[in-house]
Amino acid sequence: MTRNWRRAIPAVGLAATFLFAAAGCRTEPPEWVVLSDRSSESEDLLRIVGTIERMELEGGFYAIRAEDGTTYEVMNLPERFQEDGLPVEARAVSRGDMASIRMVGPIVELVRIRERPDESRG
């Protein structure tokens, strides 16, 4: 019986290592990238949850396709978020005072943005 126990000790240690590693895989949501000092207290901010989408109109640009189907033309999308299919969450100010030749949807100015987890991406 002592021999069997000695063989089991490395296996138990390995299993424990995997369990601790798996528990450590849970990550906090990414930090917000703040683009404007506009405060949510001073203005009503739009909450946009969606995916970055590359549009081939007018030489190409990136927009956000929200989960509700609305496509937002973004004035100030940081380069690091310019990736087709990237899931994001953003807070933005509607810029109804602006016009665009792209006419894909409402124009927004981002206040803050972050990548969000997406289990379908590998």
PDB file of N, CA and C in Angstrom:
ATOM      1  N   MET A   1       0.819  -1.195   0.000  1.00  0.00           N
ATOM      2  CA  MET A   1       0.000   0.000   0.000  1.00  0.00           C
ATOM      3  C   MET A   1       0.860   1.254   0.000  1.00  0.00           C
ATOM      4  N   THR A   2       1.994   1.225   0.682  1.00  0.00           N
ATOM      5  CA  THR A   2       2.881   2.384   0.740  1.00  0.00           C
ATOM      6  C   THR A   2       3.397   2.732  -0.647  1.00  0.00           C
ATOM      7  N   ARG A   3       3.707   1.724  -1.446  1.00  0.00           N
ATOM      8  CA  ARG A   3       4.211   1.979  -2.803  1.00  0.00           C
ATOM      9  C   ARG A   3       3.160   2.689  -3.661  1.00  0.00           C
ATOM     10  N   ASN A   4       1.927   2.258  -3.572  1.00  0.00           N
ATOM     11  CA  ASN A   4       0.860   2.888  -4.357  1.00  0.00           C
ATOM     12  C   ASN A   4       0.688   4.353  -3.964  1.00  0.00           C
ATOM     13  N   TRP A   5       0.774   4.631  -2.684  1.00  0.00           N
ATOM     14  CA  TRP A   5       0.640   6.011  -2.207  1.00  0.00           C
ATOM     15  C   TRP A   5       1.769   6.887  -2.760  1.00  0.00           C
ATOM     16  N   ARG A   6       2.968   6.348  -2.794  1.00  0.00           N
ATOM     17  CA  ARG A   6       4.109   7.110  -3.323  1.00  0.00           C
ATOM     18  C   ARG A   6       3.929   7.421  -4.801  1.00  0.00           C
ATOM     19  N   ARG A   7       3.321   6.525  -5.528  1.00  0.00           N
ATOM     20  CA  ARG A   7       3.060   6.783  -6.947  1.00  0.00           C
ATOM     21  C   ARG A   7       1.957   7.825  -7.121  1.00  0.00           C
ATOM     22  N   ALA A   8       1.032   7.874  -6.215  1.00  0.00           N
ATOM     23  CA  ALA A   8      -0.104   8.788  -6.328  1.00  0.00           C
ATOM     24  C   ALA A   8       0.263  10.229  -5.985  1.00  0.00           C
ATOM     25  N   ILE A   9       1.260  10.424  -5.165  1.00  0.00           N
ATOM     26  CA  ILE A   9       1.624  11.776  -4.724  1.00  0.00           C
ATOM     27  C   ILE A   9       1.927  12.700  -5.911  1.00  0.00           C
ATOM     28  N   PRO A  10       2.762  12.306  -6.890  1.00  0.00           N
ATOM     29  CA  PRO A  10       2.989  13.214  -8.026  1.00  0.00           C
ATOM     30  C   PRO A  10       1.707  13.514  -8.806  1.00  0.00           C
ATOM     31  N   ALA A  11       0.843  12.521  -8.974  1.00  0.00           N
ATOM     32  CA  ALA A  11      -0.404  12.737  -9.706  1.00  0.00           C
ATOM     33  C   ALA A  11      -1.311  13.716  -8.967  1.00  0.00           C
ATOM     34  N   VAL A  12      -1.377  13.596  -7.652  1.00  0.00           N
ATOM     35  CA  VAL A  12      -2.191  14.514  -6.857  1.00  0.00           C
ATOM     36  C   VAL A  12      -1.623  15.933  -6.961  1.00  0.00           C
ATOM     37  N   GLY A  13      -0.318  16.052  -6.897  1.00  0.00           N
ATOM     38  CA  GLY A  13       0.321  17.365  -7.017  1.00  0.00           C
ATOM     39  C   GLY A  13       0.059  17.991  -8.380  1.00  0.00           C
ATOM     40  N   LEU A  14       0.133  17.183  -9.430  1.00  0.00           N
ATOM     41  CA  LEU A  14      -0.137  17.671 -10.780  1.00  0.00           C
ATOM     42  C   LEU A  14      -1.594  18.113 -10.915  1.00  0.00           C
ATOM     43  N   ALA A  15      -2.504  17.335 -10.386  1.00  0.00           N
ATOM     44  CA  ALA A  15      -3.931  17.694 -10.439  1.00  0.00           C
ATOM     45  C   ALA A  15      -4.184  19.002  -9.688  1.00  0.00           C
ATOM     46  N   ALA A  16      -3.564  19.158  -8.537  1.00  0.00           N
ATOM     47  CA  ALA A  16      -3.734  20.387  -7.758  1.00  0.00           C
ATOM     48  C   ALA A  16      -3.202  21.587  -8.538  1.00  0.00           C
ATOM     49  N   THR A  17      -2.084  21.401  -9.213  1.00  0.00           N
ATOM     50  CA  THR A  17      -1.503  22.487 -10.018  1.00  0.00           C
ATOM     51  C   THR A  17      -2.473  22.925 -11.107  1.00  0.00           C
ATOM     52  N   PHE A  18      -3.071  21.966 -11.802  1.00  0.00           N
ATOM     53  CA  PHE A  18      -4.033  22.296 -12.851  1.00  0.00           C
ATOM     54  C   PHE A  18      -5.258  23.010 -12.287  1.00  0.00           C
ATOM     55  N   LEU A  19      -5.729  22.575 -11.138  1.00  0.00           N
ATOM     56  CA  LEU A  19      -6.891  23.220 -10.535  1.00  0.00           C
ATOM     57  C   LEU A  19      -6.601  24.667 -10.164  1.00  0.00           C
ATOM     58  N   PHE A  20      -5.446  24.904  -9.564  1.00  0.00           N
ATOM     59  CA  PHE A  20      -5.073  26.282  -9.198  1.00  0.00           C
ATOM     60  C   PHE A  20      -4.867  27.136 -10.443  1.00  0.00           C
ATOM     61  N   ALA A  21      -4.276  26.559 -11.485  1.00  0.00           N
ATOM     62  CA  ALA A  21      -4.065  27.300 -12.728  1.00  0.00           C
ATOM     63  C   ALA A  21      -5.399  27.656 -13.371  1.00  0.00           C
ATOM     64  N   ALA A  22      -6.330  26.709 -13.380  1.00  0.00           N
ATOM     65  CA  ALA A  22      -7.645  26.968 -13.961  1.00  0.00           C
ATOM     66  C   ALA A  22      -8.381  28.047 -13.188  1.00  0.00           C
ATOM     67  N   ALA A  23      -8.278  28.032 -11.883  1.00  0.00           N
ATOM     68  CA  ALA A  23      -8.930  29.060 -11.064  1.00  0.00           C
ATOM     69  C   ALA A  23      -8.330  30.428 -11.351  1.00  0.00           C
ATOM     70  N   GLY A  24      -7.051  30.466 -11.649  1.00  0.00           N
ATOM     71  CA  GLY A  24      -6.380  31.725 -11.943  1.00  0.00           C
ATOM     72  C   GLY A  24      -6.675  32.253 -13.330  1.00  0.00           C
ATOM     73  N   CYS A  25      -7.321  31.462 -14.196  1.00  0.00           N
ATOM     74  CA  CYS A  25      -7.628  31.880 -15.557  1.00  0.00           C
ATOM     75  C   CYS A  25      -8.742  32.913 -15.610  1.00  0.00           C
ATOM     76  N   ARG A  26      -9.543  32.998 -14.567  1.00  0.00           N
ATOM     77  CA  ARG A  26     -10.589  34.003 -14.568  1.00  0.00           C
ATOM     78  C   ARG A  26      -9.937  35.373 -14.518  1.00  0.00           C
ATOM     79  N   THR A  27     -10.263  36.198 -15.483  1.00  0.00           N
ATOM     80  CA  THR A  27      -9.639  37.512 -15.550  1.00  0.00           C
ATOM     81  C   THR A  27     -10.675  38.600 -15.314  1.00  0.00           C
ATOM     82  N   GLU A  28     -10.212  39.691 -14.808  1.00  0.00           N
ATOM     83  CA  GLU A  28     -11.060  40.859 -14.623  1.00  0.00           C
ATOM     84  C   GLU A  28     -11.312  41.485 -15.991  1.00  0.00           C
ATOM     85  N   PRO A  29     -12.415  42.199 -16.151  1.00  0.00           N
ATOM     86  CA  PRO A  29     -12.644  42.878 -17.430  1.00  0.00           C
ATOM     87  C   PRO A  29     -11.494  43.838 -17.717  1.00  0.00           C
ATOM     88  N   PRO A  30     -11.159  43.993 -18.984  1.00  0.00           N
ATOM     89  CA  PRO A  30     -10.083  44.927 -19.327  1.00  0.00           C
ATOM     90  C   PRO A  30     -10.385  46.336 -18.831  1.00  0.00           C
ATOM     91  N   GLU A  31      -9.341  47.069 -18.582  1.00  0.00           N
ATOM     92  CA  GLU A  31      -9.485  48.450 -18.113  1.00  0.00           C
ATOM     93  C   GLU A  31     -10.055  49.322 -19.232  1.00  0.00           C
ATOM     94  N   TRP A  32     -10.779  50.340 -18.837  1.00  0.00           N
ATOM     95  CA  TRP A  32     -11.301  51.307 -19.791  1.00  0.00           C
ATOM     96  C   TRP A  32     -10.163  52.132 -20.371  1.00  0.00           C
ATOM     97  N   VAL A  33     -10.232  52.428 -21.636  1.00  0.00           N
ATOM     98  CA  VAL A  33      -9.359  53.409 -22.270  1.00  0.00           C
ATOM     99  C   VAL A  33     -10.179  54.689 -22.311  1.00  0.00           C
ATOM    100  N   VAL A  34      -9.748  55.688 -21.549  1.00  0.00           N
ATOM    101  CA  VAL A  34     -10.492  56.941 -21.431  1.00  0.00           C
ATOM    102  C   VAL A  34     -10.007  57.893 -22.520  1.00  0.00           C
ATOM    103  N   LEU A  35     -10.956  58.405 -23.307  1.00  0.00           N
ATOM    104  CA  LEU A  35     -10.627  59.254 -24.451  1.00  0.00           C
ATOM    105  C   LEU A  35     -11.066  60.696 -24.265  1.00  0.00           C
ATOM    106  N   SER A  36     -11.912  60.933 -23.281  1.00  0.00           N
ATOM    107  CA  SER A  36     -12.436  62.274 -23.063  1.00  0.00           C
ATOM    108  C   SER A  36     -12.669  62.469 -21.581  1.00  0.00           C
ATOM    109  N   ASP A  37     -12.584  63.703 -21.137  1.00  0.00           N
ATOM    110  CA  ASP A  37     -12.825  63.969 -19.726  1.00  0.00           C
ATOM    111  C   ASP A  37     -14.296  64.293 -19.459  1.00  0.00           C
ATOM    112  N   ARG A  38     -15.137  64.027 -20.459  1.00  0.00           N
ATOM    113  CA  ARG A  38     -16.575  64.259 -20.252  1.00  0.00           C
ATOM    114  C   ARG A  38     -17.073  63.335 -19.155  1.00  0.00           C
ATOM    115  N   SER A  39     -17.885  63.855 -18.301  1.00  0.00           N
ATOM    116  CA  SER A  39     -18.388  63.093 -17.159  1.00  0.00           C
ATOM    117  C   SER A  39     -19.804  62.606 -17.432  1.00  0.00           C
ATOM    118  N   SER A  40     -20.104  61.408 -16.951  1.00  0.00           N
ATOM    119  CA  SER A  40     -21.459  60.883 -17.108  1.00  0.00           C
ATOM    120  C   SER A  40     -22.463  61.721 -16.322  1.00  0.00           C
ATOM    121  N   GLU A  41     -21.985  62.483 -15.363  1.00  0.00           N
ATOM    122  CA  GLU A  41     -22.880  63.338 -14.589  1.00  0.00           C
ATOM    123  C   GLU A  41     -23.315  64.553 -15.391  1.00  0.00           C
ATOM    124  N   SER A  42     -22.454  65.008 -16.299  1.00  0.00           N
ATOM    125  CA  SER A  42     -22.778  66.217 -17.036  1.00  0.00           C
ATOM    126  C   SER A  42     -23.539  65.935 -18.325  1.00  0.00           C
ATOM    127  N   GLU A  43     -23.485  64.713 -18.835  1.00  0.00           N
ATOM    128  CA  GLU A  43     -24.157  64.383 -20.082  1.00  0.00           C
ATOM    129  C   GLU A  43     -24.701  62.962 -20.024  1.00  0.00           C
ATOM    130  N   ASP A  44     -25.729  62.723 -20.785  1.00  0.00           N
ATOM    131  CA  ASP A  44     -26.238  61.360 -20.922  1.00  0.00           C
ATOM    132  C   ASP A  44     -25.340  60.625 -21.909  1.00  0.00           C
ATOM    133  N   LEU A  45     -24.679  59.590 -21.418  1.00  0.00           N
ATOM    134  CA  LEU A  45     -23.798  58.813 -22.282  1.00  0.00           C
ATOM    135  C   LEU A  45     -24.535  57.602 -22.831  1.00  0.00           C
ATOM    136  N   LEU A  46     -24.283  57.312 -24.097  1.00  0.00           N
ATOM    137  CA  LEU A  46     -24.800  56.093 -24.695  1.00  0.00           C
ATOM    138  C   LEU A  46     -23.952  54.925 -24.220  1.00  0.00           C
ATOM    139  N   ARG A  47     -24.587  53.814 -23.926  1.00  0.00           N
ATOM    140  CA  ARG A  47     -23.861  52.578 -23.619  1.00  0.00           C
ATOM    141  C   ARG A  47     -23.953  51.727 -24.872  1.00  0.00           C
ATOM    142  N   ILE A  48     -22.801  51.443 -25.472  1.00  0.00           N
ATOM    143  CA  ILE A  48     -22.761  50.666 -26.709  1.00  0.00           C
ATOM    144  C   ILE A  48     -22.024  49.364 -26.444  1.00  0.00           C
ATOM    145  N   VAL A  49     -22.698  48.267 -26.680  1.00  0.00           N
ATOM    146  CA  VAL A  49     -22.091  46.944 -26.581  1.00  0.00           C
ATOM    147  C   VAL A  49     -22.209  46.332 -27.962  1.00  0.00           C
ATOM    148  N   GLY A  50     -21.067  46.023 -28.562  1.00  0.00           N
ATOM    149  CA  GLY A  50     -21.121  45.505 -29.920  1.00  0.00           C
ATOM    150  C   GLY A  50     -19.771  45.033 -30.413  1.00  0.00           C
ATOM    151  N   THR A  51     -19.614  45.109 -31.723  1.00  0.00           N
ATOM    152  CA  THR A  51     -18.428  44.586 -32.387  1.00  0.00           C
ATOM    153  C   THR A  51     -17.898  45.614 -33.374  1.00  0.00           C
ATOM    154  N   ILE A  52     -16.589  45.735 -33.414  1.00  0.00           N
ATOM    155  CA  ILE A  52     -15.961  46.615 -34.404  1.00  0.00           C
ATOM    156  C   ILE A  52     -16.160  45.987 -35.780  1.00  0.00           C
ATOM    157  N   GLU A  53     -16.525  46.829 -36.730  1.00  0.00           N
ATOM    158  CA  GLU A  53     -16.758  46.338 -38.086  1.00  0.00           C
ATOM    159  C   GLU A  53     -16.057  47.249 -39.087  1.00  0.00           C
ATOM    160  N   ARG A  54     -15.273  46.640 -39.961  1.00  0.00           N
ATOM    161  CA  ARG A  54     -14.592  47.402 -41.022  1.00  0.00           C
ATOM    162  C   ARG A  54     -15.582  47.623 -42.150  1.00  0.00           C
ATOM    163  N   MET A  55     -15.773  48.878 -42.523  1.00  0.00           N
ATOM    164  CA  MET A  55     -16.660  49.255 -43.627  1.00  0.00           C
ATOM    165  C   MET A  55     -15.772  49.667 -44.795  1.00  0.00           C
ATOM    166  N   GLU A  56     -16.111  49.241 -45.980  1.00  0.00           N
ATOM    167  CA  GLU A  56     -15.282  49.515 -47.165  1.00  0.00           C
ATOM    168  C   GLU A  56     -15.719  50.762 -47.920  1.00  0.00           C
ATOM    169  N   LEU A  57     -16.590  51.531 -47.351  1.00  0.00           N
ATOM    170  CA  LEU A  57     -17.088  52.750 -47.974  1.00  0.00           C
ATOM    171  C   LEU A  57     -16.078  53.886 -47.826  1.00  0.00           C
ATOM    172  N   GLU A  58     -15.953  54.728 -48.840  1.00  0.00           N
ATOM    173  CA  GLU A  58     -15.105  55.928 -48.778  1.00  0.00           C
ATOM    174  C   GLU A  58     -13.672  55.637 -48.346  1.00  0.00           C
ATOM    175  N   GLY A  59     -13.068  54.606 -48.890  1.00  0.00           N
ATOM    176  CA  GLY A  59     -11.682  54.298 -48.570  1.00  0.00           C
ATOM    177  C   GLY A  59     -11.514  53.412 -47.349  1.00  0.00           C
ATOM    178  N   GLY A  60     -12.598  53.110 -46.678  1.00  0.00           N
ATOM    179  CA  GLY A  60     -12.553  52.205 -45.532  1.00  0.00           C
ATOM    180  C   GLY A  60     -12.476  52.941 -44.201  1.00  0.00           C
ATOM    181  N   PHE A  61     -13.232  52.443 -43.254  1.00  0.00           N
ATOM    182  CA  PHE A  61     -13.218  52.983 -41.896  1.00  0.00           C
ATOM    183  C   PHE A  61     -13.803  51.932 -40.968  1.00  0.00           C
ATOM    184  N   TYR A  62     -13.688  52.175 -39.666  1.00  0.00           N
ATOM    185  CA  TYR A  62     -14.212  51.254 -38.662  1.00  0.00           C
ATOM    186  C   TYR A  62     -15.405  51.875 -37.967  1.00  0.00           C
ATOM    187  N   ALA A  63     -16.418  51.053 -37.744  1.00  0.00           N
ATOM    188  CA  ALA A  63     -17.622  51.470 -37.038  1.00  0.00           C
ATOM    189  C   ALA A  63     -17.882  50.440 -35.939  1.00  0.00           C
ATOM    190  N   ILE A  64     -18.859  50.731 -35.102  1.00  0.00           N
ATOM    191  CA  ILE A  64     -19.278  49.754 -34.102  1.00  0.00           C
ATOM    192  C   ILE A  64     -20.690  49.306 -34.452  1.00  0.00           C
ATOM    193  N   ARG A  65     -20.852  47.989 -34.641  1.00  0.00           N
ATOM    194  CA  ARG A  65     -22.177  47.408 -34.851  1.00  0.00           C
ATOM    195  C   ARG A  65     -22.662  46.937 -33.489  1.00  0.00           C
ATOM    196  N   ALA A  66     -23.667  47.623 -32.956  1.00  0.00           N
ATOM    197  CA  ALA A  66     -24.178  47.305 -31.616  1.00  0.00           C
ATOM    198  C   ALA A  66     -25.016  46.036 -31.660  1.00  0.00           C
ATOM    199  N   GLU A  67     -25.178  45.422 -30.493  1.00  0.00           N
ATOM    200  CA  GLU A  67     -25.978  44.205 -30.384  1.00  0.00           C
ATOM    201  C   GLU A  67     -27.419  44.426 -30.810  1.00  0.00           C
ATOM    202  N   ASP A  68     -27.919  45.664 -30.709  1.00  0.00           N
ATOM    203  CA  ASP A  68     -29.304  45.948 -31.111  1.00  0.00           C
ATOM    204  C   ASP A  68     -29.434  46.203 -32.611  1.00  0.00           C
ATOM    205  N   GLY A  69     -28.322  46.084 -33.361  1.00  0.00           N
ATOM    206  CA  GLY A  69     -28.348  46.254 -34.809  1.00  0.00           C
ATOM    207  C   GLY A  69     -27.967  47.637 -35.293  1.00  0.00           C
ATOM    208  N   THR A  70     -27.853  48.601 -34.400  1.00  0.00           N
ATOM    209  CA  THR A  70     -27.464  49.950 -34.777  1.00  0.00           C
ATOM    210  C   THR A  70     -25.981  49.987 -35.124  1.00  0.00           C
ATOM    211  N   THR A  71     -25.650  50.653 -36.218  1.00  0.00           N
ATOM    212  CA  THR A  71     -24.250  50.868 -36.575  1.00  0.00           C
ATOM    213  C   THR A  71     -23.892  52.303 -36.224  1.00  0.00           C
ATOM    214  N   TYR A  72     -22.840  52.459 -35.431  1.00  0.00           N
ATOM    215  CA  TYR A  72     -22.396  53.786 -35.009  1.00  0.00           C
ATOM    216  C   TYR A  72     -21.128  54.170 -35.760  1.00  0.00           C
ATOM    217  N   GLU A  73     -21.146  55.356 -36.342  1.00  0.00           N
ATOM    218  CA  GLU A  73     -19.934  55.909 -36.945  1.00  0.00           C
ATOM    219  C   GLU A  73     -19.158  56.590 -35.825  1.00  0.00           C
ATOM    220  N   VAL A  74     -17.944  56.140 -35.597  1.00  0.00           N
ATOM    221  CA  VAL A  74     -17.146  56.606 -34.462  1.00  0.00           C
ATOM    222  C   VAL A  74     -16.134  57.648 -34.929  1.00  0.00           C
ATOM    223  N   MET A  75     -16.147  58.792 -34.263  1.00  0.00           N
ATOM    224  CA  MET A  75     -15.220  59.875 -34.609  1.00  0.00           C
ATOM    225  C   MET A  75     -13.788  59.587 -34.174  1.00  0.00           C
ATOM    226  N   ASN A  76     -13.627  58.969 -33.031  1.00  0.00           N
ATOM    227  CA  ASN A  76     -12.314  58.920 -32.392  1.00  0.00           C
ATOM    228  C   ASN A  76     -11.933  57.516 -31.922  1.00  0.00           C
ATOM    229  N   LEU A  77     -12.089  56.518 -32.776  1.00  0.00           N
ATOM    230  CA  LEU A  77     -11.742  55.150 -32.403  1.00  0.00           C
ATOM    231  C   LEU A  77     -10.223  54.992 -32.375  1.00  0.00           C
ATOM    232  N   PRO A  78      -9.653  54.642 -31.208  1.00  0.00           N
ATOM    233  CA  PRO A  78      -8.201  54.470 -31.127  1.00  0.00           C
ATOM    234  C   PRO A  78      -7.724  53.351 -32.059  1.00  0.00           C
ATOM    235  N   GLU A  79      -6.524  53.494 -32.557  1.00  0.00           N
ATOM    236  CA  GLU A  79      -5.956  52.538 -33.505  1.00  0.00           C
ATOM    237  C   GLU A  79      -5.949  51.118 -32.948  1.00  0.00           C
ATOM    238  N   ARG A  80      -5.683  50.966 -31.664  1.00  0.00           N
ATOM    239  CA  ARG A  80      -5.594  49.620 -31.087  1.00  0.00           C
ATOM    240  C   ARG A  80      -6.935  48.874 -31.104  1.00  0.00           C
ATOM    241  N   PHE A  81      -8.046  49.597 -31.325  1.00  0.00           N
ATOM    242  CA  PHE A  81      -9.364  48.972 -31.409  1.00  0.00           C
ATOM    243  C   PHE A  81      -9.823  48.798 -32.860  1.00  0.00           C
ATOM    244  N   GLN A  82      -8.989  49.168 -33.812  1.00  0.00           N
ATOM    245  CA  GLN A  82      -9.360  49.060 -35.220  1.00  0.00           C
ATOM    246  C   GLN A  82      -9.051  47.659 -35.733  1.00  0.00           C
ATOM    247  N   GLU A  83      -9.917  46.718 -35.299  1.00  0.00           N
ATOM    248  CA  GLU A  83      -9.775  45.311 -35.652  1.00  0.00           C
ATOM    249  C   GLU A  83     -11.159  44.751 -35.944  1.00  0.00           C
ATOM    250  N   ASP A  84     -11.381  44.339 -37.174  1.00  0.00           N
ATOM    251  CA  ASP A  84     -12.675  43.804 -37.575  1.00  0.00           C
ATOM    252  C   ASP A  84     -13.042  42.604 -36.704  1.00  0.00           C
ATOM    253  N   GLY A  85     -14.232  42.635 -36.137  1.00  0.00           N
ATOM    254  CA  GLY A  85     -14.713  41.533 -35.304  1.00  0.00           C
ATOM    255  C   GLY A  85     -14.378  41.649 -33.835  1.00  0.00           C
ATOM    256  N   LEU A  86     -13.695  42.701 -33.425  1.00  0.00           N
ATOM    257  CA  LEU A  86     -13.313  42.878 -32.024  1.00  0.00           C
ATOM    258  C   LEU A  86     -14.542  43.243 -31.189  1.00  0.00           C
ATOM    259  N   PRO A  87     -14.862  42.454 -30.152  1.00  0.00           N
ATOM    260  CA  PRO A  87     -16.000  42.790 -29.295  1.00  0.00           C
ATOM    261  C   PRO A  87     -15.621  43.911 -28.320  1.00  0.00           C
ATOM    262  N   VAL A  88     -16.465  44.920 -28.224  1.00  0.00           N
ATOM    263  CA  VAL A  88     -16.166  46.072 -27.374  1.00  0.00           C
ATOM    264  C   VAL A  88     -17.393  46.513 -26.589  1.00  0.00           C
ATOM    265  N   GLU A  89     -17.095  47.291 -25.570  1.00  0.00           N
ATOM    266  CA  GLU A  89     -18.106  48.005 -24.803  1.00  0.00           C
ATOM    267  C   GLU A  89     -17.626  49.441 -24.754  1.00  0.00           C
ATOM    268  N   ALA A  90     -18.537  50.382 -24.956  1.00  0.00           N
ATOM    269  CA  ALA A  90     -18.126  51.782 -24.996  1.00  0.00           C
ATOM    270  C   ALA A  90     -19.191  52.666 -24.377  1.00  0.00           C
ATOM    271  N   ARG A  91     -18.746  53.832 -23.947  1.00  0.00           N
ATOM    272  CA  ARG A  91     -19.637  54.915 -23.538  1.00  0.00           C
ATOM    273  C   ARG A  91     -19.321  56.056 -24.500  1.00  0.00           C
ATOM    274  N   ALA A  92     -20.384  56.670 -25.014  1.00  0.00           N
ATOM    275  CA  ALA A  92     -20.177  57.677 -26.053  1.00  0.00           C
ATOM    276  C   ALA A  92     -21.216  58.785 -25.947  1.00  0.00           C
ATOM    277  N   VAL A  93     -20.886  59.894 -26.588  1.00  0.00           N
ATOM    278  CA  VAL A  93     -21.786  61.031 -26.689  1.00  0.00           C
ATOM    279  C   VAL A  93     -22.301  61.067 -28.117  1.00  0.00           C
ATOM    280  N   SER A  94     -23.604  61.163 -28.283  1.00  0.00           N
ATOM    281  CA  SER A  94     -24.187  61.290 -29.609  1.00  0.00           C
ATOM    282  C   SER A  94     -23.816  62.650 -30.184  1.00  0.00           C
ATOM    283  N   ARG A  95     -23.371  62.658 -31.435  1.00  0.00           N
ATOM    284  CA  ARG A  95     -22.987  63.909 -32.081  1.00  0.00           C
ATOM    285  C   ARG A  95     -23.969  64.225 -33.211  1.00  0.00           C
ATOM    286  N   GLY A  96     -25.214  64.451 -32.825  1.00  0.00           N
ATOM    287  CA  GLY A  96     -26.258  64.817 -33.785  1.00  0.00           C
ATOM    288  C   GLY A  96     -26.000  66.152 -34.447  1.00  0.00           C
ATOM    289  N   ASP A  97     -25.027  66.902 -33.919  1.00  0.00           N
ATOM    290  CA  ASP A  97     -24.685  68.194 -34.490  1.00  0.00           C
ATOM    291  C   ASP A  97     -23.714  68.055 -35.658  1.00  0.00           C
ATOM    292  N   MET A  98     -23.337  66.819 -36.003  1.00  0.00           N
ATOM    293  CA  MET A  98     -22.375  66.587 -37.082  1.00  0.00           C
ATOM    294  C   MET A  98     -23.028  65.793 -38.202  1.00  0.00           C
ATOM    295  N   ALA A  99     -22.461  65.920 -39.391  1.00  0.00           N
ATOM    296  CA  ALA A  99     -22.924  65.160 -40.553  1.00  0.00           C
ATOM    297  C   ALA A  99     -21.722  64.465 -41.184  1.00  0.00           C
ATOM    298  N   SER A 100     -22.015  63.419 -41.951  1.00  0.00           N
ATOM    299  CA  SER A 100     -20.949  62.654 -42.585  1.00  0.00           C
ATOM    300  C   SER A 100     -21.422  62.160 -43.947  1.00  0.00           C
ATOM    301  N   ILE A 101     -20.506  62.036 -44.879  1.00  0.00           N
ATOM    302  CA  ILE A 101     -20.871  61.481 -46.181  1.00  0.00           C
ATOM    303  C   ILE A 101     -21.027  59.969 -46.112  1.00  0.00           C
ATOM    304  N   ARG A 102     -20.564  59.357 -45.042  1.00  0.00           N
ATOM    305  CA  ARG A 102     -20.641  57.897 -44.901  1.00  0.00           C
ATOM    306  C   ARG A 102     -22.067  57.425 -44.648  1.00  0.00           C
ATOM    307  N   MET A 103     -22.808  58.133 -43.852  1.00  0.00           N
ATOM    308  CA  MET A 103     -24.214  57.875 -43.555  1.00  0.00           C
ATOM    309  C   MET A 103     -24.504  56.409 -43.214  1.00  0.00           C
ATOM    310  N   VAL A 104     -23.700  55.827 -42.321  1.00  0.00           N
ATOM    311  CA  VAL A 104     -23.932  54.436 -41.906  1.00  0.00           C
ATOM    312  C   VAL A 104     -24.771  54.351 -40.634  1.00  0.00           C
ATOM    313  N   GLY A 105     -24.854  55.449 -39.925  1.00  0.00           N
ATOM    314  CA  GLY A 105     -25.613  55.465 -38.682  1.00  0.00           C
ATOM    315  C   GLY A 105     -25.253  56.691 -37.877  1.00  0.00           C
ATOM    316  N   PRO A 106     -25.750  56.764 -36.652  1.00  0.00           N
ATOM    317  CA  PRO A 106     -25.462  57.920 -35.805  1.00  0.00           C
ATOM    318  C   PRO A 106     -23.956  58.100 -35.584  1.00  0.00           C
ATOM    319  N   ILE A 107     -23.534  59.344 -35.567  1.00  0.00           N
ATOM    320  CA  ILE A 107     -22.133  59.660 -35.284  1.00  0.00           C
ATOM    321  C   ILE A 107     -21.992  59.799 -33.776  1.00  0.00           C
ATOM    322  N   VAL A 108     -20.945  59.164 -33.244  1.00  0.00           N
ATOM    323  CA  VAL A 108     -20.687  59.247 -31.805  1.00  0.00           C
ATOM    324  C   VAL A 108     -19.234  59.605 -31.555  1.00  0.00           C
ATOM    325  N   GLU A 109     -19.033  60.258 -30.420  1.00  0.00           N
ATOM    326  CA  GLU A 109     -17.687  60.544 -29.922  1.00  0.00           C
ATOM    327  C   GLU A 109     -17.491  59.690 -28.678  1.00  0.00           C
ATOM    328  N   LEU A 110     -16.484  58.825 -28.726  1.00  0.00           N
ATOM    329  CA  LEU A 110     -16.235  57.933 -27.603  1.00  0.00           C
ATOM    330  C   LEU A 110     -15.708  58.703 -26.402  1.00  0.00           C
ATOM    331  N   VAL A 111     -16.219  58.356 -25.242  1.00  0.00           N
ATOM    332  CA  VAL A 111     -15.715  58.880 -23.985  1.00  0.00           C
ATOM    333  C   VAL A 111     -14.757  57.860 -23.380  1.00  0.00           C
ATOM    334  N   ARG A 112     -15.161  56.584 -23.463  1.00  0.00           N
ATOM    335  CA  ARG A 112     -14.284  55.497 -23.023  1.00  0.00           C
ATOM    336  C   ARG A 112     -14.687  54.223 -23.753  1.00  0.00           C
ATOM    337  N   ILE A 113     -13.730  53.301 -23.868  1.00  0.00           N
ATOM    338  CA  ILE A 113     -13.959  52.056 -24.590  1.00  0.00           C
ATOM    339  C   ILE A 113     -13.068  50.978 -23.982  1.00  0.00           C
ATOM    340  N   ARG A 114     -13.537  49.731 -24.064  1.00  0.00           N
ATOM    341  CA  ARG A 114     -12.712  48.607 -23.645  1.00  0.00           C
ATOM    342  C   ARG A 114     -13.119  47.379 -24.449  1.00  0.00           C
ATOM    343  N   GLU A 115     -12.182  46.471 -24.573  1.00  0.00           N
ATOM    344  CA  GLU A 115     -12.471  45.193 -25.206  1.00  0.00           C
ATOM    345  C   GLU A 115     -13.284  44.380 -24.213  1.00  0.00           C
ATOM    346  N   ARG A 116     -14.182  43.570 -24.724  1.00  0.00           N
ATOM    347  CA  ARG A 116     -14.951  42.701 -23.840  1.00  0.00           C
ATOM    348  C   ARG A 116     -14.681  41.248 -24.232  1.00  0.00           C
ATOM    349  N   PRO A 117     -14.764  40.364 -23.258  1.00  0.00           N
ATOM    350  CA  PRO A 117     -14.532  38.948 -23.562  1.00  0.00           C
ATOM    351  C   PRO A 117     -15.562  38.428 -24.555  1.00  0.00           C
ATOM    352  N   ASP A 118     -15.115  37.551 -25.431  1.00  0.00           N
ATOM    353  CA  ASP A 118     -16.020  36.927 -26.391  1.00  0.00           C
ATOM    354  C   ASP A 118     -15.601  35.482 -26.536  1.00  0.00           C
ATOM    355  N   GLU A 119     -16.406  34.572 -26.029  1.00  0.00           N
ATOM    356  CA  GLU A 119     -16.062  33.158 -26.018  1.00  0.00           C
ATOM    357  C   GLU A 119     -15.966  32.577 -27.417  1.00  0.00           C
ATOM    358  N   SER A 120     -16.585  33.208 -28.414  1.00  0.00           N
ATOM    359  CA  SER A 120     -16.554  32.656 -29.765  1.00  0.00           C
ATOM    360  C   SER A 120     -15.237  32.933 -30.476  1.00  0.00           C
ATOM    361  N   ARG A 121     -14.454  33.865 -29.940  1.00  0.00           N
ATOM    362  CA  ARG A 121     -13.146  34.168 -30.563  1.00  0.00           C
ATOM    363  C   ARG A 121     -12.117  33.223 -29.976  1.00  0.00           C
ATOM    364  N   GLY A 122     -11.233  32.727 -30.827  1.00  0.00           N
ATOM    365  CA  GLY A 122     -10.267  31.770 -30.345  1.00  0.00           C
ATOM    366  C   GLY A 122      -8.954  32.340 -30.124  1.00  0.00           C
TER     367      GLY A 122
END
